[in-house]
PDB file of all heavy atoms in Angstrom:
ATOM      1  N   ALA A   1     -53.329  25.386  39.501  1.00  0.00           N
ATOM      2  CA  ALA A   1     -54.209  24.518  40.557  1.00  0.00           C
ATOM      3  C   ALA A   1     -55.408  25.408  41.036  1.00  0.00           C
ATOM      4  O   ALA A   1     -56.537  24.854  41.162  1.00  0.00           O
ATOM      5  CB  ALA A   1     -53.307  24.213  41.685  1.00  0.00           C
ATOM      6  N   GLU A   2     -55.204  26.742  41.335  1.00  0.00           N
ATOM      7  CA  GLU A   2     -56.363  27.486  41.850  1.00  0.00           C
ATOM      8  C   GLU A   2     -56.978  28.215  40.875  1.00  0.00           C
ATOM      9  O   GLU A   2     -58.299  28.542  40.965  1.00  0.00           O
ATOM     10  CB  GLU A   2     -55.775  28.392  43.057  1.00  0.00           C
ATOM     11  CG  GLU A   2     -55.074  27.778  44.135  1.00  0.00           C
ATOM     12  CD  GLU A   2     -54.472  28.755  45.025  1.00  0.00           C
ATOM     13  OE1 GLU A   2     -55.034  29.918  45.312  1.00  0.00           O
ATOM     14  OE2 GLU A   2     -53.339  28.546  45.596  1.00  0.00           O
ATOM     15  N   GLY A   3     -56.280  28.734  39.763  1.00  0.00           N
ATOM     16  CA  GLY A   3     -56.804  29.609  38.789  1.00  0.00           C
ATOM     17  C   GLY A   3     -57.378  28.850  37.607  1.00  0.00           C
ATOM     18  O   GLY A   3     -58.126  29.419  36.731  1.00  0.00           O
ATOM     19  N   GLY A   4     -57.140  27.562  37.474  1.00  0.00           N
ATOM     20  CA  GLY A   4     -57.603  26.773  36.397  1.00  0.00           C
ATOM     21  C   GLY A   4     -56.934  26.953  35.071  1.00  0.00           C
ATOM     22  O   GLY A   4     -57.453  26.558  34.030  1.00  0.00           O
ATOM     23  N   ALA A   5     -55.864  27.613  35.077  1.00  0.00           N
ATOM     24  CA  ALA A   5     -55.138  27.949  33.782  1.00  0.00           C
ATOM     25  C   ALA A   5     -54.388  26.669  33.273  1.00  0.00           C
ATOM     26  O   ALA A   5     -54.074  25.723  34.081  1.00  0.00           O
ATOM     27  CB  ALA A   5     -54.113  29.085  33.975  1.00  0.00           C
ATOM     28  N   GLU A   6     -54.223  26.523  32.028  1.00  0.00           N
ATOM     29  CA  GLU A   6     -53.602  25.450  31.427  1.00  0.00           C
ATOM     30  C   GLU A   6     -52.187  25.807  31.144  1.00  0.00           C
ATOM     31  O   GLU A   6     -51.337  24.862  30.893  1.00  0.00           O
ATOM     32  CB  GLU A   6     -54.283  25.063  30.086  1.00  0.00           C
ATOM     33  CG  GLU A   6     -55.697  24.669  30.126  1.00  0.00           C
ATOM     34  CD  GLU A   6     -56.356  24.484  28.818  1.00  0.00           C
ATOM     35  OE1 GLU A   6     -55.959  23.677  27.950  1.00  0.00           O
ATOM     36  OE2 GLU A   6     -57.193  25.349  28.535  1.00  0.00           O
ATOM     37  N   ALA A   7     -51.873  27.073  31.154  1.00  0.00           N
ATOM     38  CA  ALA A   7     -50.510  27.604  30.921  1.00  0.00           C
ATOM     39  C   ALA A   7     -50.347  28.882  31.404  1.00  0.00           C
ATOM     40  O   ALA A   7     -51.322  29.567  31.784  1.00  0.00           O
ATOM     41  CB  ALA A   7     -50.166  27.532  29.418  1.00  0.00           C
ATOM     42  N   VAL A   8     -49.098  29.369  31.602  1.00  0.00           N
ATOM     43  CA  VAL A   8     -48.754  30.581  32.070  1.00  0.00           C
ATOM     44  C   VAL A   8     -48.011  31.490  31.071  1.00  0.00           C
ATOM     45  O   VAL A   8     -47.295  30.811  30.270  1.00  0.00           O
ATOM     46  CB  VAL A   8     -48.048  30.597  33.546  1.00  0.00           C
ATOM     47  CG1 VAL A   8     -48.857  29.897  34.542  1.00  0.00           C
ATOM     48  CG2 VAL A   8     -46.706  30.040  33.411  1.00  0.00           C
ATOM     49  N   LYS A   9     -48.055  32.730  31.117  1.00  0.00           N
ATOM     50  CA  LYS A   9     -47.290  33.644  30.251  1.00  0.00           C
ATOM     51  C   LYS A   9     -46.390  34.512  31.114  1.00  0.00           C
ATOM     52  O   LYS A   9     -46.883  35.135  32.129  1.00  0.00           O
ATOM     53  CB  LYS A   9     -48.107  34.439  29.335  1.00  0.00           C
ATOM     54  CG  LYS A   9     -47.372  35.375  28.398  1.00  0.00           C
ATOM     55  CD  LYS A   9     -48.276  36.015  27.415  1.00  0.00           C
ATOM     56  CE  LYS A   9     -49.071  37.207  28.101  1.00  0.00           C
ATOM     57  NZ  LYS A   9     -48.210  38.347  28.543  1.00  0.00           N
ATOM     58  N   LEU A  10     -45.228  34.703  30.737  1.00  0.00           N
ATOM     59  CA  LEU A  10     -44.269  35.542  31.525  1.00  0.00           C
ATOM     60  C   LEU A  10     -43.486  36.451  30.423  1.00  0.00           C
ATOM     61  O   LEU A  10     -43.225  35.916  29.291  1.00  0.00           O
ATOM     62  CB  LEU A  10     -43.429  34.907  32.460  1.00  0.00           C
ATOM     63  CG  LEU A  10     -42.460  33.708  32.013  1.00  0.00           C
ATOM     64  CD1 LEU A  10     -41.136  34.364  31.370  1.00  0.00           C
ATOM     65  CD2 LEU A  10     -42.098  32.870  33.149  1.00  0.00           C
ATOM     66  N   GLU A  11     -43.194  37.582  30.897  1.00  0.00           N
ATOM     67  CA  GLU A  11     -42.453  38.459  29.928  1.00  0.00           C
ATOM     68  C   GLU A  11     -40.909  38.530  30.146  1.00  0.00           C
ATOM     69  O   GLU A  11     -40.595  38.099  31.321  1.00  0.00           O
ATOM     70  CB  GLU A  11     -42.888  39.906  30.344  1.00  0.00           C
ATOM     71  CG  GLU A  11     -44.421  40.262  30.090  1.00  0.00           C
ATOM     72  CD  GLU A  11     -44.678  41.643  30.498  1.00  0.00           C
ATOM     73  OE1 GLU A  11     -43.795  42.494  30.812  1.00  0.00           O
ATOM     74  OE2 GLU A  11     -45.948  41.861  30.552  1.00  0.00           O
ATOM     75  N   GLY A  12     -40.229  38.637  29.175  1.00  0.00           N
ATOM     76  CA  GLY A  12     -38.727  38.728  29.229  1.00  0.00           C
ATOM     77  C   GLY A  12     -37.991  37.723  28.244  1.00  0.00           C
ATOM     78  O   GLY A  12     -38.745  36.953  27.736  1.00  0.00           O
ATOM     79  N   GLY A  13     -36.772  38.041  28.047  1.00  0.00           N
ATOM     80  CA  GLY A  13     -36.031  37.318  27.034  1.00  0.00           C
ATOM     81  C   GLY A  13     -35.132  36.199  27.726  1.00  0.00           C
ATOM     82  O   GLY A  13     -35.550  35.548  28.553  1.00  0.00           O
ATOM     83  N   ALA A  14     -33.968  36.027  27.059  1.00  0.00           N
ATOM     84  CA  ALA A  14     -33.083  34.872  27.379  1.00  0.00           C
ATOM     85  C   ALA A  14     -32.706  34.969  28.891  1.00  0.00           C
ATOM     86  O   ALA A  14     -32.509  33.770  29.331  1.00  0.00           O
ATOM     87  CB  ALA A  14     -31.880  35.061  26.617  1.00  0.00           C
ATOM     88  N   GLU A  15     -32.803  36.167  29.504  1.00  0.00           N
ATOM     89  CA  GLU A  15     -32.403  36.095  30.984  1.00  0.00           C
ATOM     90  C   GLU A  15     -33.425  35.265  31.849  1.00  0.00           C
ATOM     91  O   GLU A  15     -32.986  34.915  32.992  1.00  0.00           O
ATOM     92  CB  GLU A  15     -32.349  37.507  31.458  1.00  0.00           C
ATOM     93  CG  GLU A  15     -33.672  38.325  31.472  1.00  0.00           C
ATOM     94  CD  GLU A  15     -34.046  38.927  30.208  1.00  0.00           C
ATOM     95  OE1 GLU A  15     -33.586  38.523  29.106  1.00  0.00           O
ATOM     96  OE2 GLU A  15     -34.956  39.836  30.212  1.00  0.00           O
ATOM     97  N   PHE A  16     -34.452  34.879  31.212  1.00  0.00           N
ATOM     98  CA  PHE A  16     -35.501  34.158  32.093  1.00  0.00           C
ATOM     99  C   PHE A  16     -35.422  32.680  31.592  1.00  0.00           C
ATOM    100  O   PHE A  16     -36.456  32.010  31.917  1.00  0.00           O
ATOM    101  CB  PHE A  16     -36.822  34.767  32.013  1.00  0.00           C
ATOM    102  CG  PHE A  16     -37.039  35.994  32.754  1.00  0.00           C
ATOM    103  CD1 PHE A  16     -36.985  37.199  32.173  1.00  0.00           C
ATOM    104  CD2 PHE A  16     -37.053  35.983  34.012  1.00  0.00           C
ATOM    105  CE1 PHE A  16     -37.103  38.408  32.842  1.00  0.00           C
ATOM    106  CE2 PHE A  16     -37.037  37.159  34.945  1.00  0.00           C
ATOM    107  CZ  PHE A  16     -37.152  38.447  34.201  1.00  0.00           C
ATOM    108  N   GLY A  17     -34.565  32.206  30.882  1.00  0.00           N
ATOM    109  CA  GLY A  17     -34.388  30.875  30.387  1.00  0.00           C
ATOM    110  C   GLY A  17     -34.515  29.868  31.424  1.00  0.00           C
ATOM    111  O   GLY A  17     -35.228  28.767  31.382  1.00  0.00           O
ATOM    112  N   ASP A  18     -33.690  29.987  32.452  1.00  0.00           N
ATOM    113  CA  ASP A  18     -33.638  29.123  33.554  1.00  0.00           C
ATOM    114  C   ASP A  18     -34.952  28.993  34.286  1.00  0.00           C
ATOM    115  O   ASP A  18     -35.361  27.913  34.734  1.00  0.00           O
ATOM    116  CB  ASP A  18     -32.461  29.445  34.516  1.00  0.00           C
ATOM    117  CG  ASP A  18     -31.156  29.176  33.856  1.00  0.00           C
ATOM    118  OD1 ASP A  18     -31.018  28.492  32.873  1.00  0.00           O
ATOM    119  OD2 ASP A  18     -30.116  29.750  34.409  1.00  0.00           O
ATOM    120  N   VAL A  19     -35.584  30.162  34.559  1.00  0.00           N
ATOM    121  CA  VAL A  19     -36.866  30.178  35.153  1.00  0.00           C
ATOM    122  C   VAL A  19     -37.930  29.378  34.392  1.00  0.00           C
ATOM    123  O   VAL A  19     -38.697  28.648  34.904  1.00  0.00           O
ATOM    124  CB  VAL A  19     -37.317  31.632  35.335  1.00  0.00           C
ATOM    125  CG1 VAL A  19     -38.833  31.562  35.769  1.00  0.00           C
ATOM    126  CG2 VAL A  19     -36.506  32.385  36.419  1.00  0.00           C
ATOM    127  N   ILE A  20     -37.910  29.672  33.023  1.00  0.00           N
ATOM    128  CA  ILE A  20     -38.925  28.909  32.170  1.00  0.00           C
ATOM    129  C   ILE A  20     -38.579  27.385  32.261  1.00  0.00           C
ATOM    130  O   ILE A  20     -39.614  26.628  32.320  1.00  0.00           O
ATOM    131  CB  ILE A  20     -38.857  29.447  30.676  1.00  0.00           C
ATOM    132  CG1 ILE A  20     -39.241  30.849  30.645  1.00  0.00           C
ATOM    133  CG2 ILE A  20     -39.495  28.626  29.729  1.00  0.00           C
ATOM    134  CD1 ILE A  20     -38.952  31.626  29.345  1.00  0.00           C
ATOM    135  N   ARG A  21     -37.372  26.998  32.158  1.00  0.00           N
ATOM    136  CA  ARG A  21     -37.040  25.517  32.215  1.00  0.00           C
ATOM    137  C   ARG A  21     -37.494  24.910  33.417  1.00  0.00           C
ATOM    138  O   ARG A  21     -38.101  23.753  33.534  1.00  0.00           O
ATOM    139  CB  ARG A  21     -35.631  25.467  32.182  1.00  0.00           C
ATOM    140  CG  ARG A  21     -34.909  25.663  30.786  1.00  0.00           C
ATOM    141  CD  ARG A  21     -33.397  25.298  30.638  1.00  0.00           C
ATOM    142  NE  ARG A  21     -32.916  25.664  29.422  1.00  0.00           N
ATOM    143  CZ  ARG A  21     -32.338  26.931  29.124  1.00  0.00           C
ATOM    144  NH1 ARG A  21     -32.222  27.836  30.108  1.00  0.00           N
ATOM    145  NH2 ARG A  21     -31.817  27.095  27.973  1.00  0.00           N
ATOM    146  N   ARG A  22     -37.438  25.751  34.576  1.00  0.00           N
ATOM    147  CA  ARG A  22     -37.926  25.149  35.853  1.00  0.00           C
ATOM    148  C   ARG A  22     -39.409  24.946  35.963  1.00  0.00           C
ATOM    149  O   ARG A  22     -40.000  24.016  36.396  1.00  0.00           O
ATOM    150  CB  ARG A  22     -37.447  25.961  36.960  1.00  0.00           C
ATOM    151  CG  ARG A  22     -35.936  25.886  37.306  1.00  0.00           C
ATOM    152  CD  ARG A  22     -35.713  24.585  38.161  1.00  0.00           C
ATOM    153  NE  ARG A  22     -36.513  24.529  39.415  1.00  0.00           N
ATOM    154  CZ  ARG A  22     -36.295  25.170  40.495  1.00  0.00           C
ATOM    155  NH1 ARG A  22     -35.254  25.967  40.647  1.00  0.00           N
ATOM    156  NH2 ARG A  22     -37.091  25.017  41.614  1.00  0.00           N
ATOM    157  N   ILE A  23     -40.136  25.954  35.450  1.00  0.00           N
ATOM    158  CA  ILE A  23     -41.537  25.887  35.330  1.00  0.00           C
ATOM    159  C   ILE A  23     -42.105  24.810  34.403  1.00  0.00           C
ATOM    160  O   ILE A  23     -42.984  24.066  34.817  1.00  0.00           O
ATOM    161  CB  ILE A  23     -42.192  27.251  34.931  1.00  0.00           C
ATOM    162  CG1 ILE A  23     -41.853  28.406  35.962  1.00  0.00           C
ATOM    163  CG2 ILE A  23     -43.809  27.176  34.768  1.00  0.00           C
ATOM    164  CD1 ILE A  23     -42.290  29.780  35.437  1.00  0.00           C
ATOM    165  N   VAL A  24     -41.453  24.653  33.266  1.00  0.00           N
ATOM    166  CA  VAL A  24     -41.803  23.557  32.329  1.00  0.00           C
ATOM    167  C   VAL A  24     -41.423  22.228  32.948  1.00  0.00           C
ATOM    168  O   VAL A  24     -42.343  21.259  32.790  1.00  0.00           O
ATOM    169  CB  VAL A  24     -41.129  23.738  30.998  1.00  0.00           C
ATOM    170  CG1 VAL A  24     -41.282  22.585  30.158  1.00  0.00           C
ATOM    171  CG2 VAL A  24     -41.644  24.980  30.304  1.00  0.00           C
ATOM    172  N   ARG A  25     -40.373  22.095  33.711  1.00  0.00           N
ATOM    173  CA  ARG A  25     -40.009  20.842  34.312  1.00  0.00           C
ATOM    174  C   ARG A  25     -41.092  20.558  35.330  1.00  0.00           C
ATOM    175  O   ARG A  25     -41.184  19.317  35.581  1.00  0.00           O
ATOM    176  CB  ARG A  25     -38.555  20.962  34.871  1.00  0.00           C
ATOM    177  CG  ARG A  25     -37.962  19.604  35.304  1.00  0.00           C
ATOM    178  CD  ARG A  25     -36.571  19.941  35.882  1.00  0.00           C
ATOM    179  NE  ARG A  25     -35.822  20.685  35.106  1.00  0.00           N
ATOM    180  CZ  ARG A  25     -34.896  21.647  35.531  1.00  0.00           C
ATOM    181  NH1 ARG A  25     -34.673  21.789  36.883  1.00  0.00           N
ATOM    182  NH2 ARG A  25     -34.149  22.399  34.719  1.00  0.00           N
ATOM    183  N   ALA A  26     -41.622  21.477  36.026  1.00  0.00           N
ATOM    184  CA  ALA A  26     -42.657  21.153  37.031  1.00  0.00           C
ATOM    185  C   ALA A  26     -43.974  20.856  36.385  1.00  0.00           C
ATOM    186  O   ALA A  26     -44.941  20.548  37.108  1.00  0.00           O
ATOM    187  CB  ALA A  26     -42.852  22.419  37.877  1.00  0.00           C
ATOM    188  N   GLY A  27     -44.174  20.851  35.115  1.00  0.00           N
ATOM    189  CA  GLY A  27     -45.462  20.434  34.434  1.00  0.00           C
ATOM    190  C   GLY A  27     -46.201  21.530  33.971  1.00  0.00           C
ATOM    191  O   GLY A  27     -47.468  21.234  33.541  1.00  0.00           O
ATOM    192  N   VAL A  28     -45.792  22.669  34.012  1.00  0.00           N
ATOM    193  CA  VAL A  28     -46.711  23.949  33.559  1.00  0.00           C
ATOM    194  C   VAL A  28     -46.154  24.303  32.321  1.00  0.00           C
ATOM    195  O   VAL A  28     -45.034  24.963  32.260  1.00  0.00           O
ATOM    196  CB  VAL A  28     -46.703  25.014  34.642  1.00  0.00           C
ATOM    197  CG1 VAL A  28     -47.523  26.145  34.191  1.00  0.00           C
ATOM    198  CG2 VAL A  28     -47.184  24.348  35.992  1.00  0.00           C
ATOM    199  N   PRO A  29     -46.924  24.450  31.233  1.00  0.00           N
ATOM    200  CA  PRO A  29     -46.538  25.058  29.921  1.00  0.00           C
ATOM    201  C   PRO A  29     -46.339  26.583  30.054  1.00  0.00           C
ATOM    202  O   PRO A  29     -47.070  27.131  30.783  1.00  0.00           O
ATOM    203  CB  PRO A  29     -47.715  24.657  28.973  1.00  0.00           C
ATOM    204  CG  PRO A  29     -48.353  23.584  29.543  1.00  0.00           C
ATOM    205  CD  PRO A  29     -48.272  23.667  30.951  1.00  0.00           C
ATOM    206  N   VAL A  30     -45.308  26.991  29.260  1.00  0.00           N
ATOM    207  CA  VAL A  30     -45.019  28.492  29.488  1.00  0.00           C
ATOM    208  C   VAL A  30     -45.178  29.132  28.033  1.00  0.00           C
ATOM    209  O   VAL A  30     -44.524  28.597  27.057  1.00  0.00           O
ATOM    210  CB  VAL A  30     -43.723  28.671  30.004  1.00  0.00           C
ATOM    211  CG1 VAL A  30     -43.306  30.188  30.025  1.00  0.00           C
ATOM    212  CG2 VAL A  30     -43.565  28.129  31.406  1.00  0.00           C
ATOM    213  N   MET A  31     -45.821  30.252  27.987  1.00  0.00           N
ATOM    214  CA  MET A  31     -45.929  31.071  26.721  1.00  0.00           C
ATOM    215  C   MET A  31     -44.982  32.317  27.039  1.00  0.00           C
ATOM    216  O   MET A  31     -45.122  32.967  27.998  1.00  0.00           O
ATOM    217  CB  MET A  31     -47.404  31.585  26.445  1.00  0.00           C
ATOM    218  CG  MET A  31     -47.503  32.521  25.303  1.00  0.00           C
ATOM    219  SD  MET A  31     -49.198  33.023  25.072  1.00  0.00           S
ATOM    220  CE  MET A  31     -49.838  31.597  24.337  1.00  0.00           C
ATOM    221  N   GLY A  32     -44.088  32.558  26.129  1.00  0.00           N
ATOM    222  CA  GLY A  32     -43.136  33.583  26.264  1.00  0.00           C
ATOM    223  C   GLY A  32     -43.791  34.992  25.818  1.00  0.00           C
ATOM    224  O   GLY A  32     -44.795  34.961  25.186  1.00  0.00           O
ATOM    225  N   HIS A  33     -43.107  36.049  26.077  1.00  0.00           N
ATOM    226  CA  HIS A  33     -43.517  37.398  25.641  1.00  0.00           C
ATOM    227  C   HIS A  33     -42.440  38.306  25.544  1.00  0.00           C
ATOM    228  O   HIS A  33     -41.709  38.577  26.657  1.00  0.00           O
ATOM    229  CB  HIS A  33     -44.534  37.907  26.722  1.00  0.00           C
ATOM    230  CG  HIS A  33     -45.188  39.187  26.390  1.00  0.00           C
ATOM    231  ND1 HIS A  33     -46.340  39.597  26.979  1.00  0.00           N
ATOM    232  CD2 HIS A  33     -44.855  40.284  25.628  1.00  0.00           C
ATOM    233  CE1 HIS A  33     -46.657  40.829  26.530  1.00  0.00           C
ATOM    234  NE2 HIS A  33     -45.753  41.179  25.684  1.00  0.00           N
ATOM    235  N   ILE A  34     -42.078  38.766  24.333  1.00  0.00           N
ATOM    236  CA  ILE A  34     -40.976  39.673  24.150  1.00  0.00           C
ATOM    237  C   ILE A  34     -41.326  40.897  23.270  1.00  0.00           C
ATOM    238  O   ILE A  34     -42.521  40.878  22.753  1.00  0.00           O
ATOM    239  CB  ILE A  34     -39.775  38.901  23.438  1.00  0.00           C
ATOM    240  CG1 ILE A  34     -40.166  38.251  22.140  1.00  0.00           C
ATOM    241  CG2 ILE A  34     -39.228  37.985  24.385  1.00  0.00           C
ATOM    242  CD1 ILE A  34     -39.092  37.644  21.469  1.00  0.00           C
ATOM    243  N   GLY A  35     -40.482  41.729  23.037  1.00  0.00           N
ATOM    244  CA  GLY A  35     -40.724  43.042  22.354  1.00  0.00           C
ATOM    245  C   GLY A  35     -41.084  43.994  23.515  1.00  0.00           C
ATOM    246  O   GLY A  35     -40.314  44.245  24.322  1.00  0.00           O
TER     247      GLY A  35
END
C-alpha cells in the first residue's frame, strides 16, 4: 500500500509456511528465499 510493491519476499523454510499462507490469503503474493 505505501511502498508500491506488487509482492514481498521473506527468508526461511517450512517453518514460515503458516505465515506465507496468511499473507497470500490477505492478497499479497509472496516470493520465498532459502539457502
